[in-house]
Protein backbone atom coordinates (compact mmCIF):
# COMPACT_ATOMS: atom_id res chain seq x y z
CA MET A 1 -0.02 -12.35 -5.62
CA ALA A 2 3.57 -12.27 -4.40
CA ILE A 3 4.62 -11.16 -0.93
CA ILE A 4 6.56 -7.96 -1.61
CA LYS A 5 9.90 -7.69 0.14
CA LEU A 6 12.14 -4.67 0.58
CA THR A 7 15.39 -6.34 -0.48
CA GLY A 8 17.56 -3.70 -2.15
CA ALA A 9 15.01 -0.91 -1.81
CA TYR A 10 15.74 2.76 -1.08
CA ASP A 11 13.41 5.10 0.78
CA MET A 12 14.17 8.64 -0.34
CA HIS A 13 11.96 10.45 2.17
CA ILE A 14 12.13 9.59 5.89
CA HIS A 15 11.78 11.89 8.93
CA SER A 16 13.60 11.32 12.24
CA ALA A 17 14.04 12.77 15.70
CA PRO A 18 15.03 15.20 17.06
CA ALA A 19 12.49 17.58 15.56
CA PRO A 20 9.78 19.99 16.71
CA PHE A 21 7.31 17.34 15.48
CA VAL A 22 6.86 14.02 17.26
CA ARG A 23 8.89 11.25 15.58
CA ILE A 24 8.87 7.49 16.02
CA GLY A 25 12.65 7.22 16.30
CA ASP A 26 15.94 8.97 15.71
CA SER A 27 18.10 8.48 12.63
CA ILE A 28 20.02 5.56 14.12
CA ASP A 29 16.79 3.75 15.07
CA ILE A 30 15.26 4.26 11.65
CA ALA A 31 18.37 3.35 9.68
CA MET A 32 18.73 0.16 11.74
CA TRP A 33 15.11 -0.84 11.11
CA CYS A 34 15.55 -0.27 7.36
CA ALA A 35 18.83 -2.17 7.18
CA GLU A 36 17.38 -5.08 9.15
CA ALA A 37 14.51 -5.21 6.64
CA GLY A 38 16.99 -5.80 3.83
CA MET A 39 16.86 -2.33 2.34
CA SER A 40 19.91 -0.77 0.69
CA GLY A 41 19.58 2.82 1.85
CA LEU A 42 17.56 5.89 2.70
CA VAL A 43 17.51 9.68 2.63
CA ILE A 44 16.93 11.46 5.94
CA LYS A 45 14.78 14.57 5.65
CA SER A 46 14.10 17.36 8.11
CA HIS A 47 11.85 20.38 7.67
CA PHE A 48 14.00 22.24 10.18
CA GLU A 49 17.73 21.72 9.49
CA SER A 50 20.32 20.06 7.29
CA THR A 51 20.51 16.34 8.10
CA VAL A 52 24.26 16.06 7.48
CA SER A 53 24.98 15.39 11.17
CA LYS A 54 22.05 12.99 11.55
CA ALA A 55 23.29 10.94 8.61
CA HIS A 56 26.89 11.01 9.84
CA HIS A 57 26.05 9.56 13.25
CA ALA A 58 23.69 6.97 11.81
CA ARG A 59 26.40 5.78 9.40
CA ARG A 60 28.85 5.38 12.26
CA ALA A 61 26.33 3.44 14.33
CA LEU A 62 25.58 0.99 11.50
CA GLN A 63 29.09 0.72 10.08
CA GLU A 64 30.11 -2.54 11.77
CA ARG A 65 26.89 -4.49 11.28
CA PHE A 66 25.68 -3.01 7.97
CA PRO A 67 28.75 -1.53 6.24
CA ASP A 68 27.08 -1.34 2.82
CA PHE A 69 23.87 0.32 3.93
CA LYS A 70 23.74 3.84 2.49
CA ILE A 71 22.46 6.82 4.47
CA PHE A 72 22.12 10.10 2.62
CA SER A 73 21.60 13.59 4.01
CA ALA A 74 19.54 16.48 2.68
CA ILE A 75 18.43 20.05 3.33
CA ALA A 76 14.98 21.65 3.16
CA LEU A 77 14.85 25.40 2.60
CA ASN A 78 12.59 26.57 5.41
CA ARG A 79 13.29 29.20 8.07
CA GLY A 80 15.64 26.89 9.97
CA SER A 81 17.99 27.03 6.98
CA GLY A 82 17.42 30.71 6.31
CA GLY A 83 14.76 30.11 3.66
CA VAL A 84 15.89 29.88 0.05
CA ASN A 85 19.48 30.26 1.13
CA PRO A 86 22.27 29.41 -1.35
CA ARG A 87 24.92 29.59 1.39
CA ALA A 88 23.20 26.91 3.45
CA VAL A 89 22.72 24.80 0.33
CA GLU A 90 26.36 25.07 -0.66
CA MET A 91 27.47 24.08 2.84
CA ALA A 92 25.14 21.06 2.94
CA LEU A 93 26.11 19.90 -0.56
CA GLY A 94 29.78 20.37 0.22
CA LEU A 95 29.32 18.06 3.21
CA GLY A 96 27.71 15.39 1.07
CA ALA A 97 23.98 16.13 1.04
CA LYS A 98 22.25 14.51 -1.92
CA VAL A 99 18.85 16.22 -1.91
CA VAL A 100 17.82 19.88 -1.77
CA TRP A 101 14.14 20.40 -1.03
CA LEU A 102 12.61 23.76 -1.85
CA PRO A 103 10.45 25.19 0.97
CA THR A 104 8.07 22.77 2.64
CA LEU A 105 6.32 23.82 5.88
CA ASP A 106 7.13 27.48 5.31
CA ALA A 107 6.14 27.54 1.64
CA GLU A 108 3.39 29.73 0.34
CA GLY A 109 1.99 26.60 -1.31
CA HIS A 110 1.85 24.86 2.09
CA ALA A 111 0.00 27.82 3.60
CA LYS A 112 -2.58 27.59 0.81
CA GLY A 113 -3.04 23.88 1.42
CA PHE A 114 -3.15 23.95 5.22
CA GLY A 115 -4.28 27.47 6.10
CA GLN A 116 -0.93 28.54 7.56
CA THR A 117 2.73 27.63 7.66
CA GLY A 118 4.35 25.38 10.24
CA THR A 119 1.46 22.97 10.76
CA TYR A 120 -0.44 20.03 9.33
CA GLY A 121 -3.48 20.96 11.39
CA PHE A 122 -2.93 18.92 14.56
CA LYS A 123 -0.78 19.35 17.65
CA ALA A 124 1.81 16.60 17.16
CA MET A 125 2.80 18.20 13.86
CA THR A 126 2.65 21.92 14.61
CA VAL A 127 5.64 24.13 15.35
CA GLU A 128 4.94 25.75 18.74
CA PHE A 129 8.10 27.73 19.39
CA THR A 130 7.33 31.13 20.87
CA PRO A 131 9.66 33.85 19.58
CA LEU A 132 11.67 35.42 22.42
CA ARG A 133 12.23 39.15 21.98
CA GLN A 134 11.69 38.69 18.28
CA PRO A 135 8.91 39.63 15.90
CA PRO A 136 6.57 36.86 14.71
CA PRO A 137 7.67 34.85 11.66
CA GLY A 138 7.35 36.67 8.34
CA ALA A 139 5.29 35.86 5.29
CA PRO A 140 5.31 32.39 3.73
CA VAL A 141 8.30 31.67 1.51
CA THR A 142 7.97 31.77 -2.28
CA VAL A 143 10.50 31.08 -5.00
CA LEU A 144 8.94 33.64 -7.33
CA ASP A 145 10.06 37.25 -7.64
CA GLU A 146 6.96 39.44 -7.65
CA LYS A 147 8.85 42.26 -9.35
CA LEU A 148 9.54 40.00 -12.33
CA TYR A 149 6.32 38.07 -12.12
CA THR A 150 5.17 38.68 -15.68
CA VAL A 151 8.52 38.10 -17.39
CA THR A 152 7.75 34.49 -18.37
CA GLU A 153 4.58 32.47 -18.75
CA ASN A 154 5.22 30.63 -15.48
CA GLY A 155 6.59 33.55 -13.52
CA ALA A 156 10.21 34.45 -12.80
CA LEU A 157 12.33 32.97 -10.06
CA THR A 158 14.22 34.90 -7.43
CA ALA A 159 17.97 35.18 -7.86
CA GLU A 160 18.43 33.02 -4.74
CA THR A 161 16.26 30.26 -6.19
CA LYS A 162 18.22 30.27 -9.42
CA ARG A 163 21.48 30.00 -7.51
CA VAL A 164 20.12 27.08 -5.45
CA ILE A 165 19.20 25.28 -8.67
CA GLU A 166 22.62 25.93 -10.16
CA LEU A 167 24.40 24.67 -7.04
CA THR A 168 22.26 21.53 -7.04
CA ARG A 169 23.26 20.92 -10.66
CA ASP A 170 26.95 21.58 -9.98
CA TYR A 171 27.03 19.02 -7.16
CA ASP A 172 25.05 16.45 -9.19
CA ALA A 173 22.40 16.43 -6.46
CA ILE A 174 18.61 16.12 -6.56
CA LEU A 175 16.17 19.02 -6.38
CA GLY A 176 12.90 18.22 -4.63
CA THR A 177 10.05 20.67 -5.13
CA GLY A 178 8.87 20.48 -1.51
CA HIS A 179 5.49 22.09 -0.85
CA ILE A 180 5.64 24.91 -3.38
CA SER A 181 2.64 25.57 -5.60
CA ARG A 182 1.92 24.28 -9.09
CA GLU A 183 2.78 27.67 -10.58
CA GLU A 184 6.10 27.71 -8.75
CA ILE A 185 6.90 24.11 -9.77
CA LEU A 186 6.40 24.98 -13.44
CA ALA A 187 8.69 28.00 -13.18
CA VAL A 188 11.32 25.97 -11.30
CA TYR A 189 11.23 23.16 -13.82
CA ASP A 190 11.57 25.57 -16.75
CA TYR A 191 14.74 26.96 -15.20
CA CYS A 192 16.10 23.51 -14.35
CA VAL A 193 15.75 22.51 -17.99
CA ALA A 194 17.38 25.73 -19.12
CA VAL A 195 20.48 25.23 -16.94
CA GLY A 196 20.79 21.47 -17.33
CA LEU A 197 19.60 20.15 -13.96
CA ASN A 198 18.05 16.80 -14.84
CA LYS A 199 17.51 15.37 -11.36
CA VAL A 200 14.23 17.03 -10.40
CA VAL A 201 11.72 15.22 -8.21
CA VAL A 202 8.22 16.60 -7.76
CA THR A 203 7.51 15.92 -4.08
CA HIS A 204 4.25 14.03 -3.41
CA PRO A 205 2.22 15.66 -6.20
CA GLU A 206 -0.86 13.94 -4.78
CA PHE A 207 -0.62 15.75 -1.43
CA ARG A 208 -2.51 18.91 -0.41
CA ALA A 209 0.66 20.80 -1.25
CA PRO A 210 1.02 20.91 -4.26
CA ASN A 211 -2.13 18.90 -5.20
CA LEU A 212 -1.27 18.64 -8.90
CA ASP A 213 -3.81 17.55 -11.48
CA VAL A 214 -3.04 14.42 -13.50
CA LYS A 215 -2.43 16.37 -16.72
CA THR A 216 0.29 18.47 -15.06
CA ILE A 217 1.87 15.33 -13.61
CA GLU A 218 1.86 13.67 -17.03
CA ASP A 219 3.33 16.74 -18.71
CA LEU A 220 6.14 17.12 -16.16
CA ALA A 221 6.99 13.42 -16.34
CA LYS A 222 7.10 13.51 -20.15
CA ALA A 223 9.39 16.54 -19.89
CA GLY A 224 11.81 14.55 -17.71
CA ALA A 225 10.84 15.22 -14.09
CA TYR A 226 10.36 12.40 -11.57
CA MET A 227 7.22 12.07 -9.44
CA GLU A 228 7.54 10.92 -5.82
CA PHE A 229 4.47 9.20 -4.41
CA CYS A 230 4.36 8.78 -0.64
CA ALA A 231 2.82 6.03 1.48
CA VAL A 232 1.62 8.15 4.39
CA ASN A 233 -0.77 10.05 2.15
CA CYS A 234 -2.92 6.91 2.15
CA PHE A 235 -2.85 6.68 5.97
CA PRO A 236 -5.86 7.91 8.01
CA ILE A 237 -4.23 11.04 9.47
CA HIS A 238 -3.65 12.59 6.04
CA ALA A 239 -5.95 10.41 3.90
CA VAL A 240 -5.61 12.69 0.90
CA THR A 241 -5.62 9.87 -1.64
CA THR A 242 -6.09 6.14 -2.12
CA VAL A 243 -3.89 3.31 -3.30
CA GLU A 244 -6.04 3.05 -6.42
CA LYS A 245 -5.53 6.71 -7.27
CA ILE A 246 -1.77 6.48 -6.76
CA ARG A 247 -1.67 3.39 -8.99
CA ASP A 248 -3.48 5.30 -11.71
CA ILE A 249 -1.22 8.35 -11.42
CA VAL A 250 1.90 6.16 -11.44
CA LEU A 251 0.75 4.57 -14.67
CA ALA A 252 -0.03 8.01 -16.13
CA ALA A 253 3.41 9.35 -15.21
CA GLY A 254 5.18 6.09 -16.10
CA VAL A 255 7.15 3.87 -13.75
CA HIS A 256 10.45 5.07 -15.18
CA ARG A 257 9.60 8.59 -13.99
CA SER A 258 8.19 7.63 -10.59
CA ILE A 259 9.63 6.79 -7.19
CA LEU A 260 7.83 5.37 -4.18
CA SER A 261 8.76 6.59 -0.70
CA SER A 262 7.30 6.25 2.77
CA ASP A 263 7.54 9.92 3.93
CA SER A 264 7.23 8.29 7.35
CA GLY A 265 8.72 8.65 10.81
CA GLN A 266 5.53 9.89 12.46
CA PRO A 267 4.10 7.92 15.42
CA TRP A 268 0.77 7.48 13.67
CA ALA A 269 2.40 5.45 10.87
CA ALA A 270 4.20 2.13 11.16
CA ARG A 271 7.98 2.03 11.29
CA PRO A 272 9.32 3.34 7.97
CA PRO A 273 10.28 -0.01 6.38
CA GLU A 274 6.90 -1.52 7.15
CA THR A 275 5.09 1.61 6.01
CA LEU A 276 6.91 1.32 2.67
CA ARG A 277 6.43 -2.45 2.43
CA VAL A 278 2.69 -2.31 3.03
CA PHE A 279 2.39 0.54 0.50
CA LEU A 280 4.18 -1.58 -2.12
CA GLN A 281 2.11 -4.62 -1.24
CA CYS A 282 -1.12 -2.66 -1.64
CA LEU A 283 -0.01 -1.29 -5.02
CA HIS A 284 0.83 -4.84 -6.08
CA GLU A 285 -2.60 -6.05 -4.96
CA LYS A 286 -4.08 -3.28 -7.13
CA GLY A 287 -2.18 -4.35 -10.23
CA LEU A 288 1.42 -3.09 -10.24
CA THR A 289 3.94 -5.84 -10.88
CA PRO A 290 7.01 -6.65 -8.76
CA ASP A 291 9.18 -5.48 -11.66
CA GLN A 292 7.38 -2.12 -11.79
CA LEU A 293 7.80 -1.72 -8.02
CA ARG A 294 11.50 -2.60 -8.31
CA ILE A 295 12.03 0.13 -10.90
CA MET A 296 10.45 2.73 -8.61
CA THR A 297 12.18 1.69 -5.38
CA ILE A 298 15.56 0.46 -6.61
CA ASP A 299 16.44 1.42 -10.19
CA ASN A 300 15.19 5.01 -10.20
CA PRO A 301 16.61 5.89 -6.74
CA ILE A 302 20.00 4.40 -7.70
CA SER A 303 20.05 6.58 -10.82
CA LEU A 304 19.00 9.73 -8.97
CA LEU A 305 21.42 9.21 -6.07
CA GLY A 306 24.32 8.42 -8.39
CA ILE A 307 25.05 5.04 -6.82
CA ASN A 308 27.56 2.95 -8.75
């Protein structure tokens, strides 16, 4: 077995401070660790805000020592961004964001998986803001329009969701499905195909949200969607899957339609580059080749991010 290195790799799913959740480092810390490990770039994610400013300051901090290291920003459509909010999406994309995630912590699919929005079930990852002179947060966010629910087999999307998809296409960005449900993912993907958005990544299909079955994963991959499998889902805190199961699902989806990310930044995981490296090493020990790992951590991210 080879020792897997991170040379040239991209991590398309990393969390950083500041955030309402405890993080292992800020964007500058994390970008520096990744660059020092020989990686080529990363995408900074936040459940709570656009990461345009986080990415900007990290780029400036690394510019002299690692001028070629790429740091991409993103936006997730939770309450901090106004929910499924085309205006926030257009602003983020106009400022260079490369990924738009549909609702995550505030998604109806997340509430089904974890019992409520805003939490993973333990204190370090639970939003504890107390509203001041405001009503409690509203219902979980869905991308489906209940009034049009029976229009298509997979349900009908809200006008705001359609506009978000169209903006993502127009800016040649990536749409991540976040923590929405299987039913919502199918409706979203139908519309993406209809309007010509071909950069769709199903976010950690193995996780409790959305917890897709293998047949659905296979079907979406064959239709052209990418699957993103995340290292931290094998770590003890989440422990929703095993390396062996991810290997099997990767092979079912196909390496050319899969990407491997850390989804790290939490204090209960290793630093993001080591979290990703150990994940890749474990997958290699369980049978995936270095070439297969390269496709999922270098080739596919380069294609999705539009790197020349």
